[in-house]
Amino acid sequence: MKNTKRKIILSTIIFLSIAGFVGTVDAASSSLYVSPASLTKTAGDTLSASAGVDASGSKVCAVEGTLVFNNLSCQSITVASDVTPQSLPTCSNPYFLLGVPSCTTANKIFLTVSARAGNAGTASISFTGVDIIGEGASLGSASTVGNYTINAVSTPTFTPTSTPISTPTSIPIYTSTPVSTLKPTPTSKSTSTPTPEITTSETEQQPRAVSVEAPVVKGPNLLLAAVSSFITVGTGNNIIGIIVLFAIALIIYLAYSYFLKKKK
């Protein structure tokens, strides 16, 4: 009888131990994750990611933890509309405690983040202080990390291009072509000195030579010309000449009258 009781008690202990072990295994299978798990960005680009819970069949009613940004600058954190925030995460304080109404046994996205990529290298979004809560019990604290590659900003390179300078194969030679030849104009009254021939080219022109004849005065005409020039004051105007003659006659008359008065 005693042996039977011992067997029943031992079987009960083993059953409870196995049930507890199975429950622990199921609880440990639930975890938090970041999506996408990997990504490549350029330094300064904006990266968007989601944080969710993988229930793995367990009944998840709340999630707790803190987001950790490595080589990423948090821009914003947005909580899903179908969860109840007990502690709302922000970029300055990324701690969260979020309840899931009616709980869930399916995978669920509970928040999204936007971050700016830092320096070239590697970056990541992870969790710390994780607690996945079921119906009155903790289902575990497992989580996965989102790992990202950050490339450096490419610097454009400029290749100088040279423009060949064409060299003329031959240099044109310009020759002057005579346009006109000036010859002295013969006259019948005087003998003019022949003017040298002047050749004018297309690129340089000389003023045309003009032969000017000097008037030839013979005999008494020279004296008359001198008197006429004196009387007209060199202008050759007859009116001026008459005025000048009248003035001379008046001066002589006045001088003669003065002389007679002085003699008396």
Protein backbone atom coordinates (compact mmCIF):
# COMPACT_ATOMS: atom_id res chain seq x y z
CA MET A 1 0.00 0.00 0.00
CA LYS A 2 2.81 2.32 0.95
CA ASN A 3 4.60 1.57 -2.32
CA THR A 4 1.47 2.47 -4.30
CA LYS A 5 1.17 5.87 -2.57
CA ARG A 6 4.82 6.59 -3.22
CA LYS A 7 4.40 5.80 -6.91
CA ILE A 8 1.34 8.10 -7.17
CA ILE A 9 3.18 10.99 -5.44
CA LEU A 10 6.29 10.51 -7.59
CA SER A 11 4.22 10.40 -10.80
CA THR A 12 2.41 13.60 -9.79
CA ILE A 13 5.71 15.42 -9.10
CA ILE A 14 7.15 14.28 -12.45
CA PHE A 15 3.97 15.35 -14.29
CA LEU A 16 3.96 18.78 -12.67
CA SER A 17 7.69 19.18 -13.40
CA ILE A 18 7.17 18.25 -17.05
CA ALA A 19 4.18 20.60 -17.34
CA GLY A 20 6.18 23.40 -15.77
CA PHE A 21 9.12 22.71 -18.09
CA VAL A 22 6.84 22.76 -21.15
CA GLY A 23 5.25 26.01 -19.99
CA THR A 24 8.71 27.55 -19.57
CA VAL A 25 9.77 26.45 -23.04
CA ASP A 26 6.60 27.93 -24.57
CA ALA A 27 7.13 31.17 -22.68
CA ALA A 28 10.75 31.42 -23.81
CA SER A 29 9.72 31.15 -27.46
CA SER A 30 8.05 34.63 -27.44
CA SER A 31 10.38 37.53 -28.37
CA LEU A 32 10.60 41.13 -29.63
CA TYR A 33 12.03 41.87 -33.06
CA VAL A 34 13.01 44.79 -35.34
CA SER A 35 11.98 44.90 -39.00
CA PRO A 36 13.77 45.12 -41.37
CA ALA A 37 16.48 43.04 -39.72
CA SER A 38 19.14 44.33 -42.14
CA LEU A 39 19.42 47.34 -44.45
CA THR A 40 22.02 49.45 -46.27
CA LYS A 41 21.87 53.24 -46.12
CA THR A 42 24.08 56.21 -46.88
CA ALA A 43 25.29 58.50 -44.10
CA GLY A 44 22.67 61.16 -43.47
CA ASP A 45 19.77 59.16 -44.95
CA THR A 46 16.55 58.54 -43.03
CA LEU A 47 15.84 54.97 -41.91
CA SER A 48 12.39 53.63 -41.00
CA ALA A 49 11.90 50.49 -38.91
CA SER A 50 9.17 48.71 -36.94
CA ALA A 51 9.25 46.99 -33.56
CA GLY A 52 6.98 44.00 -32.96
CA VAL A 53 6.37 40.93 -30.83
CA ASP A 54 6.62 37.34 -32.03
CA ALA A 55 4.05 35.57 -29.84
CA SER A 56 4.83 32.10 -31.24
CA GLY A 57 1.41 30.87 -30.11
CA SER A 58 1.61 32.28 -26.59
CA LYS A 59 -0.98 34.74 -25.36
CA VAL A 60 0.78 38.11 -25.18
CA CYS A 61 -1.01 40.88 -23.26
CA ALA A 62 1.73 43.52 -22.80
CA VAL A 63 5.31 44.33 -23.80
CA GLU A 64 7.92 46.34 -21.93
CA GLY A 65 11.44 47.55 -22.80
CA THR A 66 13.67 50.38 -23.99
CA LEU A 67 14.83 51.06 -27.55
CA VAL A 68 18.57 51.46 -28.08
CA PHE A 69 19.89 53.37 -31.14
CA ASN A 70 23.49 52.77 -32.18
CA ASN A 71 25.01 55.20 -34.76
CA LEU A 72 21.46 56.36 -35.48
CA SER A 73 19.79 59.61 -34.48
CA CYS A 74 16.18 59.07 -33.41
CA GLN A 75 13.76 61.36 -35.29
CA SER A 76 10.36 60.06 -34.13
CA ILE A 77 8.62 57.12 -32.42
CA THR A 78 4.99 56.32 -33.28
CA VAL A 79 2.89 53.85 -31.27
CA ALA A 80 0.38 51.65 -33.13
CA SER A 81 -3.23 52.75 -32.81
CA ASP A 82 -4.50 49.35 -31.56
CA VAL A 83 -2.31 49.20 -28.43
CA THR A 84 -2.76 50.94 -25.09
CA PRO A 85 0.33 52.87 -23.95
CA GLN A 86 0.99 52.78 -20.23
CA SER A 87 4.30 54.54 -20.80
CA LEU A 88 4.64 56.35 -24.13
CA PRO A 89 8.16 56.21 -25.69
CA THR A 90 9.86 59.32 -27.11
CA CYS A 91 13.24 59.97 -28.73
CA SER A 92 14.50 61.57 -25.51
CA ASN A 93 13.12 58.68 -23.39
CA PRO A 94 12.55 55.55 -25.55
CA TYR A 95 11.19 53.40 -22.66
CA PHE A 96 7.81 51.77 -23.42
CA LEU A 97 5.14 49.78 -21.61
CA LEU A 98 2.31 48.91 -23.99
CA GLY A 99 -0.80 46.85 -23.36
CA VAL A 100 -2.51 44.72 -26.01
CA PRO A 101 -6.31 44.79 -25.60
CA SER A 102 -7.79 41.25 -25.39
CA CYS A 103 -4.19 39.97 -25.73
CA THR A 104 -2.91 38.28 -28.92
CA THR A 105 -1.40 35.01 -30.00
CA ALA A 106 -0.26 36.35 -33.39
CA ASN A 107 2.74 38.47 -34.33
CA LYS A 108 2.03 42.17 -33.81
CA ILE A 109 3.72 45.48 -34.70
CA PHE A 110 3.39 47.80 -31.71
CA LEU A 111 5.49 50.84 -32.78
CA THR A 112 7.47 52.35 -35.67
CA VAL A 113 10.60 54.51 -35.51
CA SER A 114 12.33 56.97 -37.84
CA ALA A 115 16.07 57.58 -37.47
CA ARG A 116 18.84 59.36 -39.36
CA ALA A 117 21.91 57.36 -40.35
CA GLY A 118 25.14 58.48 -38.70
CA ASN A 119 28.74 57.96 -39.82
CA ALA A 120 29.86 55.34 -42.31
CA GLY A 121 30.12 51.91 -40.71
CA THR A 122 27.55 49.80 -38.87
CA ALA A 123 24.38 50.82 -37.01
CA SER A 124 21.67 49.01 -35.08
CA ILE A 125 18.34 49.21 -33.26
CA SER A 126 17.99 46.88 -30.27
CA PHE A 127 16.10 46.45 -26.97
CA THR A 128 17.08 46.44 -23.35
CA GLY A 129 15.04 45.59 -20.23
CA VAL A 130 12.61 43.45 -22.25
CA ASP A 131 9.64 41.77 -20.58
CA ILE A 132 6.89 39.99 -22.57
CA ILE A 133 3.85 39.63 -20.35
CA GLY A 134 1.08 37.04 -20.74
CA GLU A 135 -2.00 36.42 -18.58
CA GLY A 136 -0.56 37.21 -15.17
CA ALA A 137 2.88 35.78 -15.97
CA SER A 138 6.07 36.77 -17.81
CA LEU A 139 6.57 34.98 -21.09
CA GLY A 140 10.26 35.88 -21.48
CA SER A 141 12.76 38.63 -22.30
CA ALA A 142 14.16 37.54 -25.64
CA SER A 143 14.71 40.00 -28.51
CA THR A 144 16.50 40.28 -31.84
CA VAL A 145 18.54 43.21 -33.21
CA GLY A 146 18.21 45.14 -36.45
CA ASN A 147 21.69 45.51 -37.95
CA TYR A 148 22.36 48.08 -40.68
CA THR A 149 25.24 49.08 -42.96
CA ILE A 150 25.97 52.79 -43.41
CA ASN A 151 27.92 53.79 -46.51
CA ALA A 152 29.90 57.02 -46.80
CA VAL A 153 28.57 59.82 -48.94
CA SER A 154 30.14 59.50 -52.37
CA THR A 155 32.18 62.50 -53.47
CA PRO A 156 31.94 63.26 -57.18
CA THR A 157 35.26 63.35 -58.98
CA PHE A 158 35.87 65.81 -61.76
CA THR A 159 38.21 64.86 -64.58
CA PRO A 160 39.60 67.90 -66.36
CA THR A 161 39.24 67.73 -70.11
CA SER A 162 41.66 69.48 -72.40
CA THR A 163 40.62 71.03 -75.69
CA PRO A 164 43.28 70.70 -78.37
CA ILE A 165 44.37 73.96 -79.96
CA SER A 166 44.47 73.68 -83.70
CA THR A 167 47.67 74.85 -85.34
CA PRO A 168 47.35 76.36 -88.82
CA THR A 169 49.24 74.40 -91.41
CA SER A 170 50.09 77.52 -93.38
CA ILE A 171 50.18 81.25 -92.71
CA PRO A 172 48.59 83.35 -95.48
CA ILE A 173 50.80 86.05 -96.98
CA TYR A 174 49.08 89.23 -98.11
CA THR A 175 50.55 91.29 -100.97
CA SER A 176 49.65 94.87 -101.83
CA THR A 177 47.93 95.51 -105.11
CA PRO A 178 48.37 99.00 -106.63
CA VAL A 179 45.07 100.85 -106.94
CA SER A 180 46.03 104.02 -108.73
CA THR A 181 49.10 105.81 -109.99
CA LEU A 182 49.21 109.58 -109.82
CA LYS A 183 50.88 111.41 -112.70
CA PRO A 184 51.65 115.12 -113.01
CA THR A 185 49.11 117.23 -114.93
CA PRO A 186 50.73 119.25 -117.76
CA THR A 187 49.93 123.00 -117.99
CA SER A 188 50.42 125.49 -120.81
CA LYS A 189 51.16 128.63 -118.73
CA SER A 190 53.78 127.31 -116.36
CA THR A 191 56.22 124.51 -116.08
CA SER A 192 55.35 122.24 -113.21
CA THR A 193 57.75 119.93 -111.54
CA PRO A 194 56.85 116.31 -112.15
CA THR A 195 55.38 114.72 -109.06
CA PRO A 196 56.87 111.37 -108.08
CA GLU A 197 54.63 108.43 -108.68
CA ILE A 198 52.83 107.34 -105.54
CA THR A 199 51.60 103.77 -105.36
CA THR A 200 48.63 103.21 -103.07
CA SER A 201 47.96 99.73 -101.71
CA GLU A 202 44.66 98.29 -100.58
CA THR A 203 45.72 98.38 -96.94
CA GLU A 204 47.26 101.88 -96.92
CA GLN A 205 46.26 104.91 -99.07
CA GLN A 206 48.20 108.12 -99.53
CA PRO A 207 46.50 111.49 -100.22
CA ARG A 208 46.16 112.32 -103.91
CA ALA A 209 48.76 114.86 -105.12
CA VAL A 210 47.31 118.04 -106.63
CA SER A 211 49.32 120.35 -108.85
CA VAL A 212 48.81 124.03 -107.90
CA GLU A 213 49.91 126.69 -110.38
CA ALA A 214 51.26 130.00 -109.07
CA PRO A 215 49.93 133.10 -110.92
CA VAL A 216 52.46 134.78 -113.14
CA VAL A 217 52.37 138.60 -113.09
CA LYS A 218 54.24 140.53 -115.82
CA GLY A 219 55.28 144.19 -116.13
CA PRO A 220 53.13 147.01 -114.67
CA ASN A 221 50.44 144.58 -113.59
CA LEU A 222 52.61 143.79 -110.58
CA LEU A 223 52.42 147.41 -109.30
CA LEU A 224 48.68 147.68 -109.92
CA ALA A 225 48.13 144.42 -108.09
CA ALA A 226 50.14 145.70 -105.11
CA VAL A 227 48.17 149.00 -104.97
CA SER A 228 44.85 147.15 -105.29
CA SER A 229 45.83 144.82 -102.51
CA PHE A 230 46.80 147.79 -100.30
CA ILE A 231 43.62 149.77 -100.97
CA THR A 232 41.33 146.75 -100.35
CA VAL A 233 43.35 145.73 -97.31
CA GLY A 234 44.21 142.46 -98.98
CA THR A 235 40.56 141.43 -99.35
CA GLY A 236 40.05 142.27 -103.03
CA ASN A 237 36.65 143.84 -102.22
CA ASN A 238 35.92 146.97 -104.35
CA ILE A 239 33.63 148.55 -101.73
CA ILE A 240 36.38 148.39 -99.14
CA GLY A 241 38.76 149.91 -101.70
CA ILE A 242 36.40 152.91 -102.31
CA ILE A 243 36.05 153.49 -98.55
CA VAL A 244 39.81 153.40 -98.12
CA LEU A 245 40.31 155.92 -101.01
CA PHE A 246 37.70 158.24 -99.54
CA ALA A 247 39.42 158.05 -96.16
CA ILE A 248 42.79 158.87 -97.71
CA ALA A 249 41.34 161.86 -99.62
CA LEU A 250 39.70 163.15 -96.43
CA ILE A 251 42.94 162.86 -94.50
CA ILE A 252 44.81 164.79 -97.23
CA TYR A 253 42.15 167.53 -97.27
CA LEU A 254 42.21 167.94 -93.52
CA ALA A 255 45.98 168.04 -93.49
CA TYR A 256 46.04 170.66 -96.25
CA SER A 257 43.44 172.82 -94.48
CA TYR A 258 45.40 172.66 -91.26
CA PHE A 259 48.57 173.65 -93.08
CA LEU A 260 46.89 176.72 -94.66
CA LYS A 261 45.49 177.91 -91.34
CA LYS A 262 48.81 177.60 -89.69
CA LYS A 263 50.53 179.56 -92.51
CA LYS A 264 48.12 182.54 -92.16
